[in-house]
Protein backbone atom coordinates (compact mmCIF):
# COMPACT_ATOMS: atom_id res chain seq x y z
CA UNK A 1 7.51 -18.10 13.56
CA UNK A 2 5.24 -15.45 12.19
CA UNK A 3 5.13 -13.45 8.99
CA UNK A 4 4.30 -10.41 11.10
CA UNK A 5 7.49 -10.79 13.10
CA UNK A 6 9.51 -11.05 9.88
CA UNK A 7 7.76 -7.94 8.53
CA UNK A 8 8.40 -5.95 11.69
CA UNK A 9 12.03 -7.06 11.74
CA UNK A 10 12.35 -5.86 8.14
CA UNK A 11 10.80 -2.53 9.10
CA UNK A 12 13.34 -2.12 11.91
CA UNK A 13 16.25 -2.96 9.57
CA UNK A 14 15.05 -0.45 6.96
CA UNK A 15 14.59 2.27 9.61
CA UNK A 16 18.06 1.55 11.02
CA UNK A 17 19.59 1.85 7.54
CA UNK A 18 17.86 5.20 7.02
CA UNK A 19 19.03 6.39 10.44
CA UNK A 20 22.64 5.73 9.42
CA UNK A 21 22.28 7.74 6.23
CA UNK A 22 20.56 10.64 8.00
CA UNK A 23 23.26 10.62 10.70
CA UNK A 24 25.90 10.82 7.99
CA UNK A 25 24.15 13.84 6.48
CA UNK A 26 24.07 15.62 9.84
CA UNK A 27 27.72 14.80 10.50
CA UNK A 28 28.66 16.37 7.15
CA UNK A 29 26.56 19.52 7.50
CA UNK A 30 29.70 21.69 7.23
CA UNK A 31 31.58 19.61 4.66
CA UNK A 32 32.01 21.61 1.42
CA UNK A 33 30.61 19.82 -1.62
CA UNK A 34 28.83 17.11 0.40
CA UNK A 35 25.61 15.94 -1.27
CA UNK A 36 22.82 14.96 1.14
CA UNK A 37 21.62 11.39 0.74
CA UNK A 38 18.50 9.55 1.77
CA UNK A 39 17.12 6.03 1.68
CA UNK A 40 14.09 5.39 -0.45
CA UNK A 41 12.23 3.91 2.50
CA UNK A 42 9.54 2.11 0.52
CA UNK A 43 12.10 0.33 -1.64
CA UNK A 44 14.25 -0.52 1.39
CA UNK A 45 11.24 -1.93 3.22
CA UNK A 46 10.16 -3.93 0.16
CA UNK A 47 13.67 -5.37 -0.07
CA UNK A 48 13.63 -6.33 3.61
CA UNK A 49 10.18 -7.91 3.44
CA UNK A 50 10.73 -10.27 0.56
CA UNK A 51 7.25 -11.66 0.12
CA UNK A 52 6.70 -14.96 -1.59
CA UNK A 53 4.15 -15.18 -4.40
CA UNK A 54 1.72 -17.84 -3.21
CA UNK A 55 -0.74 -17.53 -6.07
CA UNK A 56 -0.32 -16.99 -9.82
CA UNK A 57 -1.94 -13.53 -9.69
CA UNK A 58 0.46 -12.20 -7.00
CA UNK A 59 3.04 -9.63 -8.04
CA UNK A 60 6.71 -10.55 -7.74
CA UNK A 61 8.71 -8.57 -5.14
CA UNK A 62 11.00 -5.84 -6.48
CA UNK A 63 14.70 -5.78 -5.55
CA UNK A 64 16.86 -8.19 -3.67
CA UNK A 65 16.47 -8.86 0.02
CA UNK A 66 18.84 -6.83 2.17
CA UNK A 67 19.58 -4.14 -0.43
CA UNK A 68 19.20 -0.52 0.62
CA UNK A 69 18.42 2.12 -1.99
CA UNK A 70 20.59 5.11 -0.98
CA UNK A 71 20.10 8.07 -3.28
CA UNK A 72 21.44 11.58 -3.46
CA UNK A 73 18.69 13.97 -2.41
CA UNK A 74 17.86 16.62 -5.02
CA UNK A 75 18.15 19.92 -3.19
CA UNK A 76 19.52 23.39 -3.71
CA UNK A 77 23.11 23.73 -2.62
CA UNK A 78 24.66 26.31 -0.36
CA UNK A 79 27.50 28.53 -1.56
CA UNK A 80 30.06 25.83 -0.67
CA UNK A 81 28.16 23.18 -2.70
CA UNK A 82 26.78 21.37 0.37
CA UNK A 83 23.12 20.33 0.08
CA UNK A 84 22.47 19.38 3.72
CA UNK A 85 19.74 21.38 5.43
CA UNK A 86 19.98 20.67 9.13
CA UNK A 87 16.28 21.34 9.84
CA UNK A 88 15.16 18.85 7.19
CA UNK A 89 17.60 16.22 8.40
CA UNK A 90 16.55 16.55 12.04
CA UNK A 91 12.87 16.36 11.06
CA UNK A 92 13.50 13.26 8.92
CA UNK A 93 15.49 11.65 11.74
CA UNK A 94 12.72 12.38 14.24
CA UNK A 95 10.10 10.88 11.93
CA UNK A 96 12.30 7.84 11.35
CA UNK A 97 12.89 7.40 15.10
CA UNK A 98 9.13 7.48 15.72
CA UNK A 99 8.61 4.82 13.03
CA UNK A 100 11.37 2.69 14.57
CA UNK A 101 9.85 3.01 18.06
CA UNK A 102 6.39 2.07 16.77
CA UNK A 103 7.80 -0.99 14.98
CA UNK A 104 9.77 -1.99 18.08
CA UNK A 105 6.68 -1.63 20.27
CA UNK A 106 4.61 -3.79 17.90
CA UNK A 107 7.36 -6.41 17.73
CA UNK A 108 7.63 -6.48 21.53
CA UNK A 109 3.87 -6.95 21.84
CA UNK A 110 3.92 -9.77 19.30
CA UNK A 111 6.73 -11.57 21.14
CA UNK A 112 4.87 -11.18 24.46
CA UNK A 113 1.82 -12.76 22.83
CA UNK A 114 3.90 -15.75 21.71
CA UNK A 115 5.43 -16.11 25.18
CA UNK A 116 1.99 -15.98 26.77
CA UNK A 117 0.67 -18.62 24.37
CA UNK A 118 3.62 -20.89 25.15
CA UNK A 119 3.09 -20.56 28.92
CA UNK A 120 -0.59 -21.55 28.72
CA UNK A 121 0.18 -24.88 27.07
C-alpha cells in the first residue's frame, strides 16, 4: 500500500493508546493515592511508525514497534496523594481527540484517492 497509510495508522494507534491512559486518569480523579499517567506521544508514535533505514546515513528507529511509553506524570499531589487535575486531563483529552480526528480525516482522504485511482483503470 502506502507508507503514508502506515504512518497515519500508527498515528491513530498512538492517539488511541493515549486516550485510554487519559480516560483512566479521569476515572480515578477521586481515588486516593492515584498517580496521573500519560503517554509520551512522540515515543509512542515513533514506535508505531517503525521506519526502515534505506541508506547508511539514516538513523535507526528508537524502541520496538507497538510499545507504548506510559509514564507517571510529575505533578503536585492533593491532600489525599492523588495527582490528577481534571482540567489538565480534559484539555489533554480534547487535544488528543482533535489529533485523532485529523489523522482519521487524512487517512479517509488517502483511501478515497486509492479507490478513485482503482476505478479509473
